[in-house]
Amino acid sequence: MKLAILTDIHANREAFEAVLADAALRGTERIIILGDLVGYGPDPAWCVEMAGRLVAEGALCIRGNHDNAAIGGAEAMGGLARRAIDWTKPRLTEAHRAFLSGLEMVASFDDVLCVHASVNEPAAWNYVTSDTKATGSFRSCQARLIFCGHVHVPLLASCDMAGMVREQTFRMATPIPLIRSRRWLAVVGAVGQPRDGVAQAGYALLDLAANELEFRRVPYDMGPTVQKIRAAGLPEELALRLLRGR
């Protein structure tokens, strides 16, 4: 089975559509969404509704910190994030809020665990930005494969049988063998607002049969997204972030 692992959609309809199209071309059989459907971008209602349709078709979706803030959670946020959430809240219906409220913060199946931030403290929304920061997640569960979002920058770490955690190098669009003598943690990147300097949508493909992971980037026309951000009166910096990829 091939799984498409998406995270940090951030109300970016065009990026979301591009990733779903790319995943379909590659024979994806199930969609996994690691949270942050809303925040920053101009299409929160559409993205929540699309996620709802995907879940109805068998997708797995968990809650991110921006989703939590949009339904009233007292999240610590920077100025841009808070302004975007304040703009987002009145644009969500009761049905949208009910969907977000129903999302779990952690989900697992087989030997896979999915969380938006870190496994050890999911509701603290800690950033997994290095092998050192990944150690707590490995120690807090027994899953062989852990998938995270939140950071907006892809990262891969492994934990060997002695408990040594190391960051692993990888190349985009190149399948990575997930050696079974190790456990693995992947921070997938971001669909809707990458921060690694690449102005493209990001996601990952997990091939369970081949036991391989592939980080992917998908170019898309971000012009309409930028125009909608500006037309909505959202901060100009949010448009510039998309254009810069950071």
Protein backbone atom coordinates (compact mmCIF):
# COMPACT_ATOMS: atom_id res chain seq x y z
CA MET A 1 0.00 0.00 0.00
CA LYS A 2 1.17 3.52 -0.83
CA LEU A 3 0.33 6.33 1.60
CA ALA A 4 0.58 10.07 0.93
CA ILE A 5 1.53 11.92 4.12
CA LEU A 6 0.55 15.59 4.12
CA THR A 7 0.85 18.22 6.80
CA ASP A 8 0.57 21.96 7.35
CA ILE A 9 -1.94 22.66 4.58
CA HIS A 10 -2.49 26.11 6.08
CA ALA A 11 -5.59 27.04 4.11
CA ASN A 12 -3.68 26.92 0.82
CA ARG A 13 -6.16 25.41 -1.61
CA GLU A 14 -3.88 25.52 -4.64
CA ALA A 15 -1.03 23.70 -2.89
CA PHE A 16 -3.45 21.14 -1.41
CA GLU A 17 -4.94 20.40 -4.84
CA ALA A 18 -1.49 20.09 -6.42
CA VAL A 19 -0.29 17.59 -3.83
CA LEU A 20 -3.45 15.50 -4.06
CA ALA A 21 -3.10 15.40 -7.84
CA ASP A 22 0.57 14.36 -7.61
CA ALA A 23 -0.24 11.68 -5.05
CA ALA A 24 -3.01 10.28 -7.25
CA LEU A 25 -0.61 10.04 -10.21
CA ARG A 26 1.71 7.94 -8.06
CA GLY A 27 -0.93 5.40 -7.12
CA THR A 28 -1.55 6.54 -3.55
CA GLU A 29 -4.16 4.39 -1.82
CA ARG A 30 -4.60 6.35 1.40
CA ILE A 31 -4.10 9.93 2.57
CA ILE A 32 -2.66 10.80 5.99
CA ILE A 33 -2.95 14.44 7.15
CA LEU A 34 -0.87 15.52 10.15
CA GLY A 35 -2.78 18.66 11.00
CA ASP A 36 -2.86 22.42 10.50
CA LEU A 37 -5.55 22.52 7.89
CA VAL A 38 -6.07 26.21 8.66
CA GLY A 39 -4.01 29.26 9.55
CA TYR A 40 -1.99 31.68 7.40
CA GLY A 41 -3.82 31.01 4.11
CA PRO A 42 -7.00 32.37 2.49
CA ASP A 43 -9.10 29.21 2.04
CA PRO A 44 -9.71 27.68 5.49
CA ALA A 45 -13.31 26.57 4.81
CA TRP A 46 -12.43 24.83 1.54
CA CYS A 47 -9.46 23.02 3.07
CA VAL A 48 -11.45 21.79 6.07
CA GLU A 49 -14.22 20.59 3.77
CA MET A 50 -11.73 18.78 1.50
CA ALA A 51 -10.17 17.09 4.52
CA GLY A 52 -13.64 16.03 5.62
CA ARG A 53 -14.33 14.48 2.23
CA LEU A 54 -11.01 12.65 2.31
CA VAL A 55 -11.70 11.31 5.82
CA ALA A 56 -15.11 10.07 4.63
CA GLU A 57 -13.22 8.15 1.92
CA GLY A 58 -10.81 6.55 4.41
CA ALA A 59 -8.15 9.18 5.05
CA LEU A 60 -6.65 9.74 8.50
CA CYS A 61 -6.48 13.31 9.80
CA ILE A 62 -5.17 14.60 13.12
CA ARG A 63 -5.23 18.02 14.78
CA GLY A 64 -2.55 20.69 14.61
CA ASN A 65 -1.95 23.73 16.79
CA HIS A 66 -3.56 26.14 14.29
CA ASP A 67 -6.61 23.89 14.08
CA ASN A 68 -6.76 23.91 17.86
CA ALA A 69 -6.45 27.70 17.99
CA ALA A 70 -9.23 28.08 15.41
CA ILE A 71 -11.67 26.27 17.70
CA GLY A 72 -10.76 28.30 20.77
CA GLY A 73 -7.57 26.72 22.10
CA ALA A 74 -5.30 29.08 24.01
CA GLU A 75 -2.24 28.48 21.84
CA ALA A 76 0.93 30.53 22.17
CA MET A 77 1.39 32.13 18.75
CA GLY A 78 3.42 34.82 17.09
CA GLY A 79 1.81 37.97 15.75
CA LEU A 80 1.36 36.80 12.15
CA ALA A 81 -0.12 33.47 13.20
CA ARG A 82 -2.50 35.12 15.66
CA ARG A 83 -3.70 37.67 13.11
CA ALA A 84 -4.36 34.89 10.62
CA ILE A 85 -6.27 32.82 13.19
CA ASP A 86 -8.35 35.84 14.20
CA TRP A 87 -9.21 36.28 10.50
CA THR A 88 -9.93 32.54 10.12
CA LYS A 89 -12.29 32.02 13.05
CA PRO A 90 -15.35 33.89 11.68
CA ARG A 91 -14.94 32.14 8.34
CA LEU A 92 -15.51 28.70 9.84
CA THR A 93 -19.02 27.35 10.34
CA GLU A 94 -20.20 25.21 13.22
CA ALA A 95 -19.73 22.17 10.97
CA HIS A 96 -16.11 23.15 10.29
CA ARG A 97 -15.44 23.65 14.01
CA ALA A 98 -17.11 20.33 14.84
CA PHE A 99 -14.85 18.54 12.37
CA LEU A 100 -11.71 20.14 13.80
CA SER A 101 -12.86 19.45 17.36
CA GLY A 102 -13.30 15.77 16.51
CA LEU A 103 -9.71 15.31 15.38
CA GLU A 104 -7.35 13.41 17.67
CA MET A 105 -3.86 14.70 18.42
CA VAL A 106 -2.20 11.30 17.97
CA ALA A 107 -3.22 8.37 15.78
CA SER A 108 -1.59 5.05 14.99
CA PHE A 109 -2.06 2.00 12.80
CA ASP A 110 0.11 -1.09 12.38
CA ASP A 111 3.63 0.08 13.34
CA VAL A 112 3.03 3.71 12.30
CA LEU A 113 2.36 6.63 14.66
CA CYS A 114 1.20 10.05 13.47
CA VAL A 115 1.37 13.29 15.44
CA HIS A 116 1.47 16.95 14.50
CA ALA A 117 4.39 17.96 16.72
CA SER A 118 6.22 15.64 19.16
CA VAL A 119 5.07 12.29 20.54
CA ASN A 120 6.27 12.94 24.08
CA GLU A 121 4.11 16.06 24.56
CA PRO A 122 1.61 16.35 21.68
CA ALA A 123 -0.35 19.24 23.21
CA ALA A 124 2.82 21.23 23.99
CA TRP A 125 3.44 21.58 20.23
CA ASN A 126 7.21 21.14 20.55
CA TYR A 127 9.24 21.45 17.35
CA VAL A 128 11.25 18.41 16.21
CA THR A 129 14.10 20.19 14.44
CA SER A 130 17.05 17.82 14.99
CA ASP A 131 18.02 14.32 16.05
CA THR A 132 18.31 15.61 19.64
CA LYS A 133 14.76 16.98 19.52
CA ALA A 134 13.55 13.68 18.00
CA THR A 135 14.85 11.60 20.92
CA GLY A 136 11.85 12.29 23.16
CA SER A 137 9.46 11.03 20.51
CA PHE A 138 11.39 7.78 20.07
CA ARG A 139 11.47 7.23 23.83
CA SER A 140 7.75 7.91 24.23
CA CYS A 141 6.46 5.19 21.91
CA GLN A 142 7.35 1.84 20.37
CA ALA A 143 6.22 2.62 16.83
CA ARG A 144 8.73 1.74 14.12
CA LEU A 145 7.67 4.69 11.94
CA ILE A 146 6.80 8.12 13.37
CA PHE A 147 5.50 10.95 11.19
CA CYS A 148 5.38 14.59 12.33
CA GLY A 149 4.61 18.01 10.91
CA HIS A 150 4.67 21.46 12.56
CA VAL A 151 8.21 22.45 11.56
CA HIS A 152 7.60 23.17 7.83
CA VAL A 153 11.10 21.85 7.05
CA PRO A 154 11.67 18.17 6.15
CA LEU A 155 13.83 16.08 8.45
CA LEU A 156 14.62 12.38 8.81
CA ALA A 157 16.04 10.69 11.90
CA SER A 158 16.63 7.07 12.86
CA CYS A 159 17.03 5.25 16.17
CA ASP A 160 19.15 2.10 16.26
CA MET A 161 18.74 -0.90 18.53
CA ALA A 162 21.03 0.70 21.13
CA GLY A 163 18.79 3.78 21.29
CA MET A 164 21.21 6.06 19.42
CA VAL A 165 19.30 8.71 17.44
CA ARG A 166 20.92 10.17 14.33
CA GLU A 167 19.75 12.62 11.70
CA GLN A 168 19.83 11.10 8.22
CA THR A 169 20.58 12.83 4.94
CA PHE A 170 18.24 12.32 2.00
CA ARG A 171 17.46 13.64 -1.45
CA MET A 172 14.08 14.77 -2.69
CA ALA A 173 12.19 12.40 -4.98
CA THR A 174 14.56 9.54 -4.08
CA PRO A 175 13.13 6.51 -2.24
CA ILE A 176 14.77 5.89 1.14
CA PRO A 177 14.93 2.29 2.44
CA LEU A 178 13.55 2.20 5.98
CA ILE A 179 15.92 -0.42 7.36
CA ARG A 180 14.00 -2.63 9.78
CA SER A 181 16.82 -2.81 12.32
CA ARG A 182 16.12 0.88 13.01
CA ARG A 183 13.12 2.98 13.95
CA TRP A 184 12.41 6.08 11.91
CA LEU A 185 10.99 9.56 12.45
CA ALA A 186 10.15 11.82 9.52
CA VAL A 187 9.14 15.46 9.72
CA VAL A 188 7.29 15.70 6.43
CA GLY A 189 7.59 19.40 5.56
CA ALA A 190 4.63 21.55 4.55
CA VAL A 191 2.03 21.49 1.82
CA GLY A 192 0.87 25.06 2.20
CA GLN A 193 3.78 27.05 3.63
CA PRO A 194 7.28 25.57 3.28
CA ARG A 195 10.13 27.20 5.20
CA ASP A 196 13.21 25.58 3.71
CA GLY A 197 13.66 28.06 0.88
CA VAL A 198 11.87 25.95 -1.75
CA ALA A 199 8.69 27.66 -2.96
CA GLN A 200 6.83 24.43 -3.73
CA ALA A 201 4.34 22.24 -1.90
CA GLY A 202 5.90 19.40 0.07
CA TYR A 203 4.70 16.00 1.20
CA ALA A 204 5.94 12.41 1.54
CA LEU A 205 5.08 9.04 0.04
CA LEU A 206 5.31 5.90 2.16
CA ASP A 207 5.39 2.61 0.28
CA LEU A 208 4.58 -0.04 2.87
CA ALA A 209 5.17 -2.95 0.49
CA ALA A 210 8.62 -1.73 -0.54
CA ASN A 211 9.34 -0.30 2.95
CA GLU A 212 10.47 2.98 1.42
CA LEU A 213 9.87 6.67 2.11
CA GLU A 214 10.12 9.44 -0.48
CA PHE A 215 10.06 13.17 0.24
CA ARG A 216 8.48 15.05 -2.65
CA ARG A 217 8.10 18.66 -3.80
CA VAL A 218 5.33 19.76 -6.14
CA PRO A 219 5.41 23.05 -8.08
CA TYR A 220 2.11 24.89 -8.35
CA ASP A 221 0.80 28.27 -9.46
CA MET A 222 0.82 30.25 -6.24
CA GLY A 223 -0.33 33.44 -7.96
CA PRO A 224 -4.01 32.89 -7.11
CA THR A 225 -3.13 32.11 -3.48
CA VAL A 226 -1.05 35.27 -3.16
CA GLN A 227 -3.83 37.34 -4.74
CA LYS A 228 -6.40 35.92 -2.33
CA ILE A 229 -4.17 36.62 0.68
CA ARG A 230 -3.87 40.24 -0.39
CA ALA A 231 -7.56 40.59 -1.25
CA ALA A 232 -8.49 39.20 2.17
CA GLY A 233 -6.42 41.83 3.93
CA LEU A 234 -4.15 39.24 5.52
CA PRO A 235 -0.59 40.39 6.32
CA GLU A 236 1.59 40.90 3.24
CA GLU A 237 4.33 38.84 4.89
CA LEU A 238 2.15 35.74 4.46
CA ALA A 239 2.13 36.26 0.70
CA LEU A 240 5.87 36.89 0.64
CA ARG A 241 6.53 33.70 2.61
CA LEU A 242 4.95 31.67 -0.15
CA LEU A 243 6.97 33.42 -2.84
CA ARG A 244 10.22 32.95 -0.90
CA GLY A 245 9.51 29.46 0.42
CA ARG A 246 10.42 30.54 3.95
